[in-house]
C-alpha atoms as a PDB file:
ATOM      1  CA  MET A   1     -81.417   0.460 109.941  1.00  0.00           C
ATOM      2  CA  LYS A   2     -81.169   2.410 106.742  1.00  0.00           C
ATOM      3  CA  PRO A   3     -83.077   0.936 103.782  1.00  0.00           C
ATOM      4  CA  ARG A   4     -79.911   0.379 101.692  1.00  0.00           C
ATOM      5  CA  LEU A   5     -78.133  -1.460 104.492  1.00  0.00           C
ATOM      6  CA  LEU A   6     -81.237  -3.543 105.184  1.00  0.00           C
ATOM      7  CA  THR A   7     -81.469  -4.466 101.490  1.00  0.00           C
ATOM      8  CA  LEU A   8     -77.801  -5.435 101.423  1.00  0.00           C
ATOM      9  CA  VAL A   9     -78.168  -7.551 104.563  1.00  0.00           C
ATOM     10  CA  LEU A  10     -81.118  -9.406 103.021  1.00  0.00           C
ATOM     11  CA  VAL A  11     -79.842  -9.757  99.451  1.00  0.00           C
ATOM     12  CA  ALA A  12     -76.206 -10.755 100.114  1.00  0.00           C
ATOM     13  CA  PRO A  13     -77.094 -14.083 101.796  1.00  0.00           C
ATOM     14  CA  LEU A  14     -79.507 -14.903  98.968  1.00  0.00           C
ATOM     15  CA  ILE A  15     -76.793 -14.327  96.358  1.00  0.00           C
ATOM     16  CA  PHE A  16     -74.364 -16.466  98.357  1.00  0.00           C
ATOM     17  CA  LEU A  17     -76.981 -19.229  98.681  1.00  0.00           C
ATOM     18  CA  PHE A  18     -77.714 -19.143  94.949  1.00  0.00           C
ATOM     19  CA  LEU A  19     -74.018 -19.472  94.065  1.00  0.00           C
ATOM     20  CA  ALA A  20     -73.530 -22.269  96.583  1.00  0.00           C
ATOM     21  CA  CYS A  21     -76.505 -24.192  95.123  1.00  0.00           C
ATOM     22  CA  GLU A  22     -75.024 -23.982  91.612  1.00  0.00           C
ATOM     23  CA  GLN A  23     -71.717 -25.383  92.852  1.00  0.00           C
ATOM     24  CA  LEU A  24     -73.501 -28.124  94.790  1.00  0.00           C
ATOM     25  CA  SER A  25     -75.564 -29.066  91.728  1.00  0.00           C
ATOM     26  CA  GLU A  26     -72.425 -29.467  89.613  1.00  0.00           C
ATOM     27  CA  GLN A  27     -70.760 -31.604  92.301  1.00  0.00           C
ATOM     28  CA  VAL A  28     -73.848 -33.848  92.569  1.00  0.00           C
ATOM     29  CA  ASN A  29     -73.885 -34.299  88.775  1.00  0.00           C
ATOM     30  CA  LYS A  30     -70.207 -35.260  88.808  1.00  0.00           C
ATOM     31  CA  LEU A  31     -70.671 -37.746  91.651  1.00  0.00           C
ATOM     32  CA  THR A  32     -73.744 -39.471  90.206  1.00  0.00           C
ATOM     33  CA  ALA A  33     -72.471 -39.733  86.613  1.00  0.00           C
ATOM     34  CA  THR A  34     -70.586 -42.725  85.241  1.00  0.00           C
ATOM     35  CA  LYS A  35     -66.960 -41.922  84.433  1.00  0.00           C
ATOM     36  CA  ILE A  36     -66.261 -42.018  80.690  1.00  0.00           C
ATOM     37  CA  LYS A  37     -63.058 -44.003  81.269  1.00  0.00           C
ATOM     38  CA  ASP A  38     -65.116 -46.764  82.943  1.00  0.00           C
ATOM     39  CA  ILE A  39     -67.372 -46.944  79.867  1.00  0.00           C
ATOM     40  CA  LEU A  40     -64.460 -47.020  77.421  1.00  0.00           C
ATOM     41  CA  ASP A  41     -62.470 -49.560  79.467  1.00  0.00           C
ATOM     42  CA  HIS A  42     -65.419 -51.966  79.912  1.00  0.00           C
ATOM     43  CA  PRO A  43     -67.884 -51.308  77.050  1.00  0.00           C
ATOM     44  CA  ARG A  44     -69.574 -54.712  77.283  1.00  0.00           C
ATOM     45  CA  ASP A  45     -70.683 -53.890  80.842  1.00  0.00           C
ATOM     46  CA  TYR A  46     -72.563 -50.826  79.542  1.00  0.00           C
ATOM     47  CA  GLU A  47     -73.715 -52.007  76.082  1.00  0.00           C
ATOM     48  CA  ASN A  48     -77.420 -51.226  75.490  1.00  0.00           C
ATOM     49  CA  LYS A  49     -77.857 -50.146  79.121  1.00  0.00           C
ATOM     50  CA  GLU A  50     -78.930 -46.684  80.201  1.00  0.00           C
ATOM     51  CA  VAL A  51     -75.995 -44.681  81.498  1.00  0.00           C
ATOM     52  CA  THR A  52     -75.573 -41.091  82.684  1.00  0.00           C
ATOM     53  CA  ILE A  53     -72.464 -39.034  81.948  1.00  0.00           C
ATOM     54  CA  TYR A  54     -71.524 -35.464  82.830  1.00  0.00           C
ATOM     55  CA  GLY A  55     -68.945 -33.291  81.127  1.00  0.00           C
ATOM     56  CA  THR A  56     -68.018 -30.507  78.749  1.00  0.00           C
ATOM     57  CA  VAL A  57     -68.826 -30.469  75.033  1.00  0.00           C
ATOM     58  CA  THR A  58     -65.560 -30.366  73.069  1.00  0.00           C
ATOM     59  CA  ASN A  59     -66.782 -30.838  69.489  1.00  0.00           C
ATOM     60  CA  ALA A  60     -70.009 -31.144  67.503  1.00  0.00           C
ATOM     61  CA  ALA A  61     -70.736 -32.263  63.943  1.00  0.00           C
ATOM     62  CA  SER A  62     -73.478 -33.380  61.609  1.00  0.00           C
ATOM     63  CA  LEU A  63     -72.712 -36.279  59.250  1.00  0.00           C
ATOM     64  CA  LEU A  64     -75.352 -36.765  56.559  1.00  0.00           C
ATOM     65  CA  VAL A  65     -77.762 -38.973  58.511  1.00  0.00           C
ATOM     66  CA  PHE A  66     -76.861 -38.336  62.129  1.00  0.00           C
ATOM     67  CA  LYS A  67     -75.689 -35.600  64.470  1.00  0.00           C
ATOM     68  CA  TYR A  68     -73.165 -36.128  67.212  1.00  0.00           C
ATOM     69  CA  PHE A  69     -71.060 -34.250  69.699  1.00  0.00           C
ATOM     70  CA  GLU A  70     -68.136 -35.192  71.905  1.00  0.00           C
ATOM     71  CA  ILE A  71     -68.303 -34.782  75.646  1.00  0.00           C
ATOM     72  CA  GLU A  72     -65.321 -34.948  77.968  1.00  0.00           C
ATOM     73  CA  ASP A  73     -64.993 -35.451  81.699  1.00  0.00           C
ATOM     74  CA  GLU A  74     -61.788 -35.606  83.737  1.00  0.00           C
ATOM     75  CA  THR A  75     -61.295 -39.269  82.723  1.00  0.00           C
ATOM     76  CA  GLY A  76     -61.920 -39.326  78.965  1.00  0.00           C
ATOM     77  CA  LYS A  77     -63.974 -38.364  75.927  1.00  0.00           C
ATOM     78  CA  ILE A  78     -66.911 -40.059  74.171  1.00  0.00           C
ATOM     79  CA  LYS A  79     -69.200 -39.304  71.218  1.00  0.00           C
ATOM     80  CA  VAL A  80     -72.913 -38.757  71.806  1.00  0.00           C
ATOM     81  CA  MET A  81     -75.451 -39.254  68.996  1.00  0.00           C
ATOM     82  CA  THR A  82     -78.466 -36.992  69.249  1.00  0.00           C
ATOM     83  CA  GLU A  83     -81.660 -36.120  67.421  1.00  0.00           C
ATOM     84  CA  ARG A  84     -81.766 -32.765  69.183  1.00  0.00           C
ATOM     85  CA  MET A  85     -80.077 -29.510  68.271  1.00  0.00           C
ATOM     86  CA  LEU A  86     -76.305 -29.756  68.679  1.00  0.00           C
ATOM     87  CA  PRO A  87     -74.878 -28.104  71.807  1.00  0.00           C
ATOM     88  CA  GLN A  88     -72.202 -25.429  71.667  1.00  0.00           C
ATOM     89  CA  LYS A  89     -68.569 -26.116  72.423  1.00  0.00           C
ATOM     90  CA  GLY A  90     -67.874 -25.474  76.107  1.00  0.00           C
ATOM     91  CA  GLU A  91     -71.392 -26.308  77.362  1.00  0.00           C
ATOM     92  CA  ARG A  92     -71.514 -28.537  80.439  1.00  0.00           C
ATOM     93  CA  LEU A  93     -74.167 -31.229  80.096  1.00  0.00           C
ATOM     94  CA  GLN A  94     -75.536 -34.230  81.900  1.00  0.00           C
ATOM     95  CA  ILE A  95     -76.539 -36.827  79.299  1.00  0.00           C
ATOM     96  CA  LYS A  96     -78.548 -40.037  79.662  1.00  0.00           C
ATOM     97  CA  GLY A  97     -78.437 -42.653  76.963  1.00  0.00           C
ATOM     98  CA  ALA A  98     -77.492 -46.163  75.895  1.00  0.00           C
ATOM     99  CA  LEU A  99     -74.041 -47.247  74.745  1.00  0.00           C
ATOM    100  CA  VAL A 100     -73.937 -48.568  71.175  1.00  0.00           C
ATOM    101  CA  SER A 101     -71.221 -49.424  68.682  1.00  0.00           C
ATOM    102  CA  VAL A 102     -71.343 -47.485  65.395  1.00  0.00           C
ATOM    103  CA  GLU A 103     -69.224 -48.335  62.379  1.00  0.00           C
ATOM    104  CA  VAL A 104     -68.194 -45.393  60.207  1.00  0.00           C
ATOM    105  CA  GLY A 105     -66.182 -46.728  57.282  1.00  0.00           C
ATOM    106  CA  PRO A 106     -63.315 -48.768  58.706  1.00  0.00           C
ATOM    107  CA  GLU A 107     -63.674 -47.164  62.149  1.00  0.00           C
ATOM    108  CA  ARG A 108     -65.748 -48.422  65.047  1.00  0.00           C
ATOM    109  CA  TRP A 109     -66.934 -45.839  67.566  1.00  0.00           C
ATOM    110  CA  LEU A 110     -68.372 -46.428  71.000  1.00  0.00           C
ATOM    111  CA  VAL A 111     -71.201 -43.922  71.109  1.00  0.00           C
ATOM    112  CA  LEU A 112     -73.738 -42.930  73.697  1.00  0.00           C
ATOM    113  CA  ARG A 113     -77.133 -42.659  71.972  1.00  0.00           C
ATOM    114  CA  GLU A 114     -78.845 -39.827  73.823  1.00  0.00           C
ATOM    115  CA  LYS A 115     -82.241 -40.567  75.306  1.00  0.00           C
ATOM    116  CA  ALA A 116     -84.598 -38.006  73.768  1.00  0.00           C
ATOM    117  CA  GLY A 117     -85.319 -34.940  75.856  1.00  0.00           C
ATOM    118  CA  VAL A 118     -83.209 -35.657  78.940  1.00  0.00           C
ATOM    119  CA  ALA A 119     -80.011 -33.602  78.583  1.00  0.00           C
ATOM    120  CA  GLN A 120     -79.550 -31.159  81.442  1.00  0.00           C
ATOM    121  CA  LYS A 121     -77.561 -28.053  80.662  1.00  0.00           C
ATOM    122  CA  GLU A 122     -75.330 -26.473  83.281  1.00  0.00           C
ATOM    123  CA  LYS A 123     -74.046 -22.907  83.200  1.00  0.00           C
ATOM    124  CA  SER A 124     -70.421 -22.807  82.130  1.00  0.00           C
ATOM    125  CA  ASN A 125     -67.751 -20.254  82.842  1.00  0.00           C
ATOM    126  CA  THR A 126     -65.495 -21.624  80.094  1.00  0.00           C
ATOM    127  CA  SER A 127     -67.867 -21.294  77.153  1.00  0.00           C
ATOM    128  CA  GLU A 128     -66.042 -20.982  73.815  1.00  0.00           C
ATOM    129  CA  ARG A 129     -67.820 -19.564  70.812  1.00  0.00           C
END
């Protein structure tokens, strides 16, 4: 076999395997995460309990004393309070944290308070900057 053909025969399956593993990882994250709609529909079931969500960052902001971002899955959207650097819009993240109620003026938000140092970033093809 010629060296180029041999290289192609060896490298092509590795590239395919790498791409398949990325897709599998995303599917596992989706399957093991709690659906945001379940949290929003039954907040008392999740209050002050550790929960894992997986989705896409849709917004991020810093309000005087705390930083938060919104994450959305196929069922809904929720705010996540963090002490870490804010993620970029379009990033896909797996977040672990505890559900808390935060009052901002007359509004009450259900917020996931991120557990320090546990967010897992996924590569995203839909990154917006």
